[in-house]
């Protein structure tokens, strides 16, 4: 399993770093949505002071879920691309 996760070239490193950042920001966004708002430079309003109908935190929490999925997809794409570029004679099935 781990032998399939070897990163061999610059594009592989790019995808791995992108996936790791997407995963980290997604996890932080789900657990601490106010931190994501402050990282983006938006003023953080305490939850108790928000007006009815303010769905900012809902969006900030929902958006990281797509980041987590994107991280998962980029890692799978990197693995598929690596298998496609590996010559068939050197593949271990």
PDB file of N, CA and C in Angstrom:
ATOM      1  N   UNK A   1       0.823  -1.202   0.000  1.00  0.00           N
ATOM      2  CA  UNK A   1       0.000   0.000   0.000  1.00  0.00           C
ATOM      3  C   UNK A   1       0.861   1.256   0.000  1.00  0.00           C
ATOM      4  N   UNK A   2       1.836   1.339   0.904  1.00  0.00           N
ATOM      5  CA  UNK A   2       2.674   2.527   0.977  1.00  0.00           C
ATOM      6  C   UNK A   2       3.571   2.675  -0.243  1.00  0.00           C
ATOM      7  N   UNK A   3       3.891   1.567  -0.914  1.00  0.00           N
ATOM      8  CA  UNK A   3       4.735   1.668  -2.104  1.00  0.00           C
ATOM      9  C   UNK A   3       4.026   2.417  -3.228  1.00  0.00           C
ATOM     10  N   UNK A   4       2.707   2.414  -3.229  1.00  0.00           N
ATOM     11  CA  UNK A   4       1.955   3.149  -4.251  1.00  0.00           C
ATOM     12  C   UNK A   4       1.939   4.645  -3.966  1.00  0.00           C
ATOM     13  N   UNK A   5       2.287   5.065  -2.772  1.00  0.00           N
ATOM     14  CA  UNK A   5       2.217   6.465  -2.399  1.00  0.00           C
ATOM     15  C   UNK A   5       3.530   7.214  -2.611  1.00  0.00           C
ATOM     16  N   UNK A   6       4.481   6.606  -3.278  1.00  0.00           N
ATOM     17  CA  UNK A   6       5.754   7.286  -3.507  1.00  0.00           C
ATOM     18  C   UNK A   6       5.555   8.450  -4.472  1.00  0.00           C
ATOM     19  N   UNK A   7       6.172   9.568  -4.146  1.00  0.00           N
ATOM     20  CA  UNK A   7       6.101  10.754  -4.995  1.00  0.00           C
ATOM     21  C   UNK A   7       7.405  10.819  -5.770  1.00  0.00           C
ATOM     22  N   UNK A   8       7.286  10.798  -7.098  1.00  0.00           N
ATOM     23  CA  UNK A   8       8.473  10.675  -7.933  1.00  0.00           C
ATOM     24  C   UNK A   8       8.874  11.939  -8.673  1.00  0.00           C
ATOM     25  N   UNK A   9       7.967  12.895  -8.838  1.00  0.00           N
ATOM     26  CA  UNK A   9       8.305  14.052  -9.656  1.00  0.00           C
ATOM     27  C   UNK A   9       7.660  15.316  -9.092  1.00  0.00           C
ATOM     28  N   UNK A  10       7.929  16.450  -9.748  1.00  0.00           N
ATOM     29  CA  UNK A  10       7.437  17.739  -9.272  1.00  0.00           C
ATOM     30  C   UNK A  10       5.913  17.816  -9.281  1.00  0.00           C
ATOM     31  N   UNK A  11       5.280  17.246 -10.299  1.00  0.00           N
ATOM     32  CA  UNK A  11       3.814  17.293 -10.341  1.00  0.00           C
ATOM     33  C   UNK A  11       3.209  16.484  -9.195  1.00  0.00           C
ATOM     34  N   UNK A  12       3.852  15.383  -8.844  1.00  0.00           N
ATOM     35  CA  UNK A  12       3.388  14.590  -7.710  1.00  0.00           C
ATOM     36  C   UNK A  12       3.499  15.355  -6.404  1.00  0.00           C
ATOM     37  N   UNK A  13       4.604  16.071  -6.225  1.00  0.00           N
ATOM     38  CA  UNK A  13       4.774  16.890  -5.021  1.00  0.00           C
ATOM     39  C   UNK A  13       3.750  18.014  -4.980  1.00  0.00           C
ATOM     40  N   UNK A  14       3.483  18.603  -6.140  1.00  0.00           N
ATOM     41  CA  UNK A  14       2.488  19.676  -6.207  1.00  0.00           C
ATOM     42  C   UNK A  14       1.125  19.167  -5.770  1.00  0.00           C
ATOM     43  N   UNK A  15       0.731  18.022  -6.296  1.00  0.00           N
ATOM     44  CA  UNK A  15      -0.573  17.452  -5.935  1.00  0.00           C
ATOM     45  C   UNK A  15      -0.610  17.054  -4.461  1.00  0.00           C
ATOM     46  N   UNK A  16       0.486  16.505  -3.955  1.00  0.00           N
ATOM     47  CA  UNK A  16       0.527  16.091  -2.549  1.00  0.00           C
ATOM     48  C   UNK A  16       0.420  17.298  -1.619  1.00  0.00           C
ATOM     49  N   UNK A  17       1.152  18.371  -1.932  1.00  0.00           N
ATOM     50  CA  UNK A  17       1.101  19.570  -1.101  1.00  0.00           C
ATOM     51  C   UNK A  17      -0.275  20.219  -1.176  1.00  0.00           C
ATOM     52  N   UNK A  18      -0.828  20.289  -2.395  1.00  0.00           N
ATOM     53  CA  UNK A  18      -2.172  20.845  -2.564  1.00  0.00           C
ATOM     54  C   UNK A  18      -3.198  20.033  -1.768  1.00  0.00           C
ATOM     55  N   UNK A  19      -3.107  18.727  -1.843  1.00  0.00           N
ATOM     56  CA  UNK A  19      -4.028  17.865  -1.103  1.00  0.00           C
ATOM     57  C   UNK A  19      -3.875  18.018   0.399  1.00  0.00           C
ATOM     58  N   UNK A  20      -2.629  18.113   0.868  1.00  0.00           N
ATOM     59  CA  UNK A  20      -2.390  18.271   2.315  1.00  0.00           C
ATOM     60  C   UNK A  20      -2.926  19.612   2.815  1.00  0.00           C
ATOM     61  N   UNK A  21      -2.706  20.676   2.042  1.00  0.00           N
ATOM     62  CA  UNK A  21      -3.227  21.990   2.445  1.00  0.00           C
ATOM     63  C   UNK A  21      -4.753  22.009   2.427  1.00  0.00           C
ATOM     64  N   UNK A  22      -5.342  21.412   1.400  1.00  0.00           N
ATOM     65  CA  UNK A  22      -6.803  21.359   1.331  1.00  0.00           C
ATOM     66  C   UNK A  22      -7.367  20.578   2.510  1.00  0.00           C
ATOM     67  N   UNK A  23      -6.720  19.465   2.852  1.00  0.00           N
ATOM     68  CA  UNK A  23      -7.172  18.671   3.998  1.00  0.00           C
ATOM     69  C   UNK A  23      -7.041  19.453   5.300  1.00  0.00           C
ATOM     70  N   UNK A  24      -5.887  20.103   5.498  1.00  0.00           N
ATOM     71  CA  UNK A  24      -5.652  20.848   6.748  1.00  0.00           C
ATOM     72  C   UNK A  24      -6.634  22.013   6.886  1.00  0.00           C
ATOM     73  N   UNK A  25      -6.804  22.798   5.821  1.00  0.00           N
ATOM     74  CA  UNK A  25      -7.732  23.928   5.900  1.00  0.00           C
ATOM     75  C   UNK A  25      -9.177  23.453   6.031  1.00  0.00           C
ATOM     76  N   UNK A  26      -9.500  22.335   5.407  1.00  0.00           N
ATOM     77  CA  UNK A  26     -10.845  21.784   5.547  1.00  0.00           C
ATOM     78  C   UNK A  26     -11.135  21.360   6.973  1.00  0.00           C
ATOM     79  N   UNK A  27     -10.184  20.690   7.577  1.00  0.00           N
ATOM     80  CA  UNK A  27     -10.360  20.245   8.961  1.00  0.00           C
ATOM     81  C   UNK A  27     -10.454  21.437   9.917  1.00  0.00           C
ATOM     82  N   UNK A  28      -9.588  22.421   9.721  1.00  0.00           N
ATOM     83  CA  UNK A  28      -9.633  23.630  10.563  1.00  0.00           C
ATOM     84  C   UNK A  28     -10.958  24.361  10.366  1.00  0.00           C
ATOM     85  N   UNK A  29     -11.429  24.434   9.126  1.00  0.00           N
ATOM     86  CA  UNK A  29     -12.686  25.127   8.844  1.00  0.00           C
ATOM     87  C   UNK A  29     -13.889  24.474   9.483  1.00  0.00           C
ATOM     88  N   UNK A  30     -13.873  23.156   9.566  1.00  0.00           N
ATOM     89  CA  UNK A  30     -14.992  22.454  10.207  1.00  0.00           C
ATOM     90  C   UNK A  30     -14.938  22.628  11.722  1.00  0.00           C
ATOM     91  N   UNK A  31     -13.740  22.511  12.290  1.00  0.00           N
ATOM     92  CA  UNK A  31     -13.608  22.584  13.744  1.00  0.00           C
ATOM     93  C   UNK A  31     -13.635  24.017  14.280  1.00  0.00           C
ATOM     94  N   UNK A  32     -13.018  24.946  13.555  1.00  0.00           N
ATOM     95  CA  UNK A  32     -12.896  26.333  14.019  1.00  0.00           C
ATOM     96  C   UNK A  32     -13.226  27.309  12.892  1.00  0.00           C
ATOM     97  N   UNK A  33     -14.507  27.464  12.524  1.00  0.00           N
ATOM     98  CA  UNK A  33     -14.847  28.338  11.398  1.00  0.00           C
ATOM     99  C   UNK A  33     -14.453  29.800  11.624  1.00  0.00           C
ATOM    100  N   UNK A  34     -14.464  30.242  12.875  1.00  0.00           N
ATOM    101  CA  UNK A  34     -14.063  31.623  13.161  1.00  0.00           C
ATOM    102  C   UNK A  34     -12.593  31.861  12.818  1.00  0.00           C
ATOM    103  N   UNK A  35     -11.763  30.840  12.987  1.00  0.00           N
ATOM    104  CA  UNK A  35     -10.344  30.960  12.657  1.00  0.00           C
ATOM    105  C   UNK A  35     -10.158  31.171  11.155  1.00  0.00           C
ATOM    106  N   UNK A  36     -10.935  30.484  10.353  1.00  0.00           N
ATOM    107  CA  UNK A  36     -10.861  30.666   8.901  1.00  0.00           C
ATOM    108  C   UNK A  36     -11.274  32.089   8.534  1.00  0.00           C
ATOM    109  N   UNK A  37     -12.321  32.599   9.165  1.00  0.00           N
ATOM    110  CA  UNK A  37     -12.731  33.982   8.886  1.00  0.00           C
ATOM    111  C   UNK A  37     -11.622  34.968   9.244  1.00  0.00           C
ATOM    112  N   UNK A  38     -10.972  34.748  10.374  1.00  0.00           N
ATOM    113  CA  UNK A  38      -9.903  35.669  10.774  1.00  0.00           C
ATOM    114  C   UNK A  38      -8.686  35.529   9.863  1.00  0.00           C
ATOM    115  N   UNK A  39      -8.386  34.306   9.385  1.00  0.00           N
ATOM    116  CA  UNK A  39      -7.282  34.121   8.444  1.00  0.00           C
ATOM    117  C   UNK A  39      -7.540  34.847   7.129  1.00  0.00           C
ATOM    118  N   UNK A  40      -8.802  34.930   6.743  1.00  0.00           N
ATOM    119  CA  UNK A  40      -9.173  35.621   5.504  1.00  0.00           C
ATOM    120  C   UNK A  40      -9.292  37.122   5.688  1.00  0.00           C
ATOM    121  N   UNK A  41      -9.166  37.606   6.921  1.00  0.00           N
ATOM    122  CA  UNK A  41      -9.198  39.046   7.176  1.00  0.00           C
ATOM    123  C   UNK A  41     -10.581  39.607   7.451  1.00  0.00           C
ATOM    124  N   UNK A  42     -11.568  38.753   7.662  1.00  0.00           N
ATOM    125  CA  UNK A  42     -12.918  39.217   7.973  1.00  0.00           C
ATOM    126  C   UNK A  42     -13.057  39.438   9.475  1.00  0.00           C
ATOM    127  N   UNK A  43     -13.867  40.404   9.872  1.00  0.00           N
ATOM    128  CA  UNK A  43     -14.105  40.583  11.314  1.00  0.00           C
ATOM    129  C   UNK A  43     -14.916  39.409  11.857  1.00  0.00           C
ATOM    130  N   UNK A  44     -14.515  38.929  12.999  1.00  0.00           N
ATOM    131  CA  UNK A  44     -15.201  37.792  13.614  1.00  0.00           C
ATOM    132  C   UNK A  44     -16.216  38.314  14.616  1.00  0.00           C
ATOM    133  N   UNK A  45     -17.472  38.037  14.351  1.00  0.00           N
ATOM    134  CA  UNK A  45     -18.565  38.454  15.236  1.00  0.00           C
ATOM    135  C   UNK A  45     -18.946  37.247  16.090  1.00  0.00           C
ATOM    136  N   UNK A  46     -19.022  37.394  17.390  1.00  0.00           N
ATOM    137  CA  UNK A  46     -19.413  36.265  18.236  1.00  0.00           C
ATOM    138  C   UNK A  46     -20.763  35.692  17.800  1.00  0.00           C
ATOM    139  N   UNK A  47     -20.917  34.397  17.966  1.00  0.00           N
ATOM    140  CA  UNK A  47     -22.136  33.713  17.507  1.00  0.00           C
ATOM    141  C   UNK A  47     -23.387  34.297  18.153  1.00  0.00           C
ATOM    142  N   UNK A  48     -23.304  34.697  19.412  1.00  0.00           N
ATOM    143  CA  UNK A  48     -24.473  35.229  20.116  1.00  0.00           C
ATOM    144  C   UNK A  48     -24.918  36.580  19.565  1.00  0.00           C
ATOM    145  N   UNK A  49     -24.001  37.320  18.938  1.00  0.00           N
ATOM    146  CA  UNK A  49     -24.324  38.648  18.424  1.00  0.00           C
ATOM    147  C   UNK A  49     -24.774  38.644  16.959  1.00  0.00           C
ATOM    148  N   UNK A  50     -24.749  37.499  16.325  1.00  0.00           N
ATOM    149  CA  UNK A  50     -25.144  37.431  14.907  1.00  0.00           C
ATOM    150  C   UNK A  50     -26.652  37.604  14.781  1.00  0.00           C
ATOM    151  N   UNK A  51     -27.070  38.283  13.716  1.00  0.00           N
ATOM    152  CA  UNK A  51     -28.498  38.509  13.485  1.00  0.00           C
ATOM    153  C   UNK A  51     -29.133  37.251  12.909  1.00  0.00           C
ATOM    154  N   UNK A  52     -30.432  37.158  13.039  1.00  0.00           N
ATOM    155  CA  UNK A  52     -31.154  36.025  12.458  1.00  0.00           C
ATOM    156  C   UNK A  52     -31.004  36.077  10.944  1.00  0.00           C
ATOM    157  N   UNK A  53     -30.765  34.940  10.336  1.00  0.00           N
ATOM    158  CA  UNK A  53     -30.596  34.889   8.895  1.00  0.00           C
ATOM    159  C   UNK A  53     -29.164  35.068   8.431  1.00  0.00           C
ATOM    160  N   UNK A  54     -28.227  35.198   9.364  1.00  0.00           N
ATOM    161  CA  UNK A  54     -26.806  35.303   9.004  1.00  0.00           C
ATOM    162  C   UNK A  54     -26.256  33.883   8.884  1.00  0.00           C
ATOM    163  N   UNK A  55     -26.002  33.471   7.661  1.00  0.00           N
ATOM    164  CA  UNK A  55     -25.557  32.107   7.408  1.00  0.00           C
ATOM    165  C   UNK A  55     -24.064  32.044   7.080  1.00  0.00           C
ATOM    166  N   UNK A  56     -23.310  33.012   7.551  1.00  0.00           N
ATOM    167  CA  UNK A  56     -21.871  33.044   7.273  1.00  0.00           C
ATOM    168  C   UNK A  56     -21.185  31.793   7.810  1.00  0.00           C
ATOM    169  N   UNK A  57     -21.445  31.446   9.057  1.00  0.00           N
ATOM    170  CA  UNK A  57     -20.783  30.277   9.639  1.00  0.00           C
ATOM    171  C   UNK A  57     -21.230  28.986   8.973  1.00  0.00           C
ATOM    172  N   UNK A  58     -22.472  28.932   8.520  1.00  0.00           N
ATOM    173  CA  UNK A  58     -22.941  27.737   7.802  1.00  0.00           C
ATOM    174  C   UNK A  58     -22.121  27.548   6.537  1.00  0.00           C
ATOM    175  N   UNK A  59     -21.902  28.635   5.805  1.00  0.00           N
ATOM    176  CA  UNK A  59     -21.094  28.547   4.593  1.00  0.00           C
ATOM    177  C   UNK A  59     -19.648  28.204   4.919  1.00  0.00           C
ATOM    178  N   UNK A  60     -19.104  28.831   5.954  1.00  0.00           N
ATOM    179  CA  UNK A  60     -17.705  28.598   6.315  1.00  0.00           C
ATOM    180  C   UNK A  60     -17.507  27.167   6.800  1.00  0.00           C
ATOM    181  N   UNK A  61     -18.520  26.554   7.360  1.00  0.00           N
ATOM    182  CA  UNK A  61     -18.420  25.162   7.783  1.00  0.00           C
ATOM    183  C   UNK A  61     -18.673  24.219   6.607  1.00  0.00           C
ATOM    184  N   UNK A  62     -19.583  24.559   5.702  1.00  0.00           N
ATOM    185  CA  UNK A  62     -19.885  23.700   4.550  1.00  0.00           C
ATOM    186  C   UNK A  62     -18.758  23.709   3.524  1.00  0.00           C
ATOM    187  N   UNK A  63     -18.125  24.835   3.344  1.00  0.00           N
ATOM    188  CA  UNK A  63     -17.046  24.954   2.364  1.00  0.00           C
ATOM    189  C   UNK A  63     -15.866  24.022   2.661  1.00  0.00           C
ATOM    190  N   UNK A  64     -15.437  23.862   3.909  1.00  0.00           N
ATOM    191  CA  UNK A  64     -14.338  22.931   4.177  1.00  0.00           C
ATOM    192  C   UNK A  64     -14.659  21.487   3.840  1.00  0.00           C
ATOM    193  N   UNK A  65     -15.922  21.126   3.871  1.00  0.00           N
ATOM    194  CA  UNK A  65     -16.269  19.759   3.493  1.00  0.00           C
ATOM    195  C   UNK A  65     -15.871  19.503   2.045  1.00  0.00           C
ATOM    196  N   UNK A  66     -16.044  20.503   1.187  1.00  0.00           N
ATOM    197  CA  UNK A  66     -15.617  20.338  -0.198  1.00  0.00           C
ATOM    198  C   UNK A  66     -14.095  20.327  -0.289  1.00  0.00           C
ATOM    199  N   UNK A  67     -13.416  21.064   0.590  1.00  0.00           N
ATOM    200  CA  UNK A  67     -11.952  21.025   0.597  1.00  0.00           C
ATOM    201  C   UNK A  67     -11.444  19.641   0.980  1.00  0.00           C
ATOM    202  N   UNK A  68     -12.090  19.018   1.954  1.00  0.00           N
ATOM    203  CA  UNK A  68     -11.684  17.666   2.338  1.00  0.00           C
ATOM    204  C   UNK A  68     -11.888  16.700   1.183  1.00  0.00           C
ATOM    205  N   UNK A  69     -12.991  16.851   0.479  1.00  0.00           N
ATOM    206  CA  UNK A  69     -13.259  15.996  -0.678  1.00  0.00           C
ATOM    207  C   UNK A  69     -12.251  16.273  -1.791  1.00  0.00           C
ATOM    208  N   UNK A  70     -11.890  17.528  -1.978  1.00  0.00           N
ATOM    209  CA  UNK A  70     -10.905  17.899  -2.987  1.00  0.00           C
ATOM    210  C   UNK A  70      -9.546  17.298  -2.653  1.00  0.00           C
ATOM    211  N   UNK A  71      -9.190  17.298  -1.390  1.00  0.00           N
ATOM    212  CA  UNK A  71      -7.916  16.705  -0.979  1.00  0.00           C
ATOM    213  C   UNK A  71      -7.909  15.219  -1.285  1.00  0.00           C
ATOM    214  N   UNK A  72      -9.017  14.571  -1.018  1.00  0.00           N
ATOM    215  CA  UNK A  72      -9.137  13.143  -1.288  1.00  0.00           C
ATOM    216  C   UNK A  72      -9.046  12.877  -2.792  1.00  0.00           C
ATOM    217  N   UNK A  73      -9.701  13.699  -3.590  1.00  0.00           N
ATOM    218  CA  UNK A  73      -9.706  13.533  -5.035  1.00  0.00           C
ATOM    219  C   UNK A  73      -8.326  13.779  -5.619  1.00  0.00           C
ATOM    220  N   UNK A  74      -7.606  14.793  -5.128  1.00  0.00           N
ATOM    221  CA  UNK A  74      -6.283  15.089  -5.680  1.00  0.00           C
ATOM    222  C   UNK A  74      -5.300  13.958  -5.390  1.00  0.00           C
ATOM    223  N   UNK A  75      -5.426  13.322  -4.235  1.00  0.00           N
ATOM    224  CA  UNK A  75      -4.542  12.208  -3.925  1.00  0.00           C
ATOM    225  C   UNK A  75      -4.853  11.011  -4.811  1.00  0.00           C
ATOM    226  N   UNK A  76      -6.126  10.764  -5.081  1.00  0.00           N
ATOM    227  CA  UNK A  76      -6.502   9.669  -5.970  1.00  0.00           C
ATOM    228  C   UNK A  76      -6.044   9.951  -7.390  1.00  0.00           C
ATOM    229  N   UNK A  77      -6.175  11.189  -7.842  1.00  0.00           N
ATOM    230  CA  UNK A  77      -5.752  11.552  -9.194  1.00  0.00           C
ATOM    231  C   UNK A  77      -4.250  11.383  -9.348  1.00  0.00           C
ATOM    232  N   UNK A  78      -3.502  11.764  -8.322  1.00  0.00           N
ATOM    233  CA  UNK A  78      -2.056  11.608  -8.366  1.00  0.00           C
ATOM    234  C   UNK A  78      -1.679  10.141  -8.480  1.00  0.00           C
ATOM    235  N   UNK A  79      -2.361   9.286  -7.727  1.00  0.00           N
ATOM    236  CA  UNK A  79      -2.083   7.859  -7.770  1.00  0.00           C
ATOM    237  C   UNK A  79      -2.421   7.276  -9.141  1.00  0.00           C
ATOM    238  N   UNK A  80      -3.559   7.679  -9.724  1.00  0.00           N
ATOM    239  CA  UNK A  80      -3.949   7.177 -11.046  1.00  0.00           C
ATOM    240  C   UNK A  80      -2.987   7.666 -12.113  1.00  0.00           C
ATOM    241  N   UNK A  81      -2.567   8.930 -12.023  1.00  0.00           N
ATOM    242  CA  UNK A  81      -1.648   9.476 -13.008  1.00  0.00           C
ATOM    243  C   UNK A  81      -0.306   8.763 -12.917  1.00  0.00           C
ATOM    244  N   UNK A  82       0.127   8.470 -11.716  1.00  0.00           N
ATOM    245  CA  UNK A  82       1.390   7.787 -11.517  1.00  0.00           C
ATOM    246  C   UNK A  82       1.342   6.390 -12.129  1.00  0.00           C
ATOM    247  N   UNK A  83       0.231   5.686 -11.918  1.00  0.00           N
ATOM    248  CA  UNK A  83       0.093   4.345 -12.501  1.00  0.00           C
ATOM    249  C   UNK A  83       0.048   4.412 -14.023  1.00  0.00           C
ATOM    250  N   UNK A  84      -0.611   5.447 -14.558  1.00  0.00           N
ATOM    251  CA  UNK A  84      -0.722   5.570 -16.007  1.00  0.00           C
ATOM    252  C   UNK A  84       0.634   5.880 -16.651  1.00  0.00           C
ATOM    253  N   UNK A  85       1.500   6.596 -15.947  1.00  0.00           N
ATOM    254  CA  UNK A  85       2.784   6.981 -16.513  1.00  0.00           C
ATOM    255  C   UNK A  85       3.870   5.941 -16.267  1.00  0.00           C
ATOM    256  N   UNK A  86       3.617   4.959 -15.403  1.00  0.00           N
ATOM    257  CA  UNK A  86       4.597   3.934 -15.119  1.00  0.00           C
ATOM    258  C   UNK A  86       4.574   2.903 -16.249  1.00  0.00           C
ATOM    259  N   UNK A  87       5.718   2.586 -16.838  1.00  0.00           N
ATOM    260  CA  UNK A  87       5.735   1.580 -17.897  1.00  0.00           C
ATOM    261  C   UNK A  87       5.183   0.251 -17.403  1.00  0.00           C
ATOM    262  N   UNK A  88       4.463  -0.438 -18.267  1.00  0.00           N
ATOM    263  CA  UNK A  88       3.796  -1.675 -17.855  1.00  0.00           C
ATOM    264  C   UNK A  88       4.782  -2.764 -17.453  1.00  0.00           C
ATOM    265  N   UNK A  89       5.974  -2.758 -18.000  1.00  0.00           N
ATOM    266  CA  UNK A  89       6.950  -3.790 -17.651  1.00  0.00           C
ATOM    267  C   UNK A  89       7.437  -3.645 -16.220  1.00  0.00           C
ATOM    268  N   UNK A  90       7.441  -2.426 -15.677  1.00  0.00           N
ATOM    269  CA  UNK A  90       7.945  -2.219 -14.320  1.00  0.00           C
ATOM    270  C   UNK A  90       6.839  -2.193 -13.271  1.00  0.00           C
ATOM    271  N   UNK A  91       5.584  -2.320 -13.687  1.00  0.00           N
ATOM    272  CA  UNK A  91       4.469  -2.338 -12.724  1.00  0.00           C
ATOM    273  C   UNK A  91       4.447  -3.654 -11.958  1.00  0.00           C
ATOM    274  N   UNK A  92       4.068  -3.556 -10.713  1.00  0.00           N
ATOM    275  CA  UNK A  92       3.881  -4.751  -9.891  1.00  0.00           C
ATOM    276  C   UNK A  92       2.390  -4.899  -9.655  1.00  0.00           C
ATOM    277  N   UNK A  93       1.788  -5.880 -10.230  1.00  0.00           N
ATOM    278  CA  UNK A  93       0.327  -6.090 -10.087  1.00  0.00           C
ATOM    279  C   UNK A  93       0.001  -6.945  -8.930  1.00  0.00           C
TER     280      UNK A  93
END
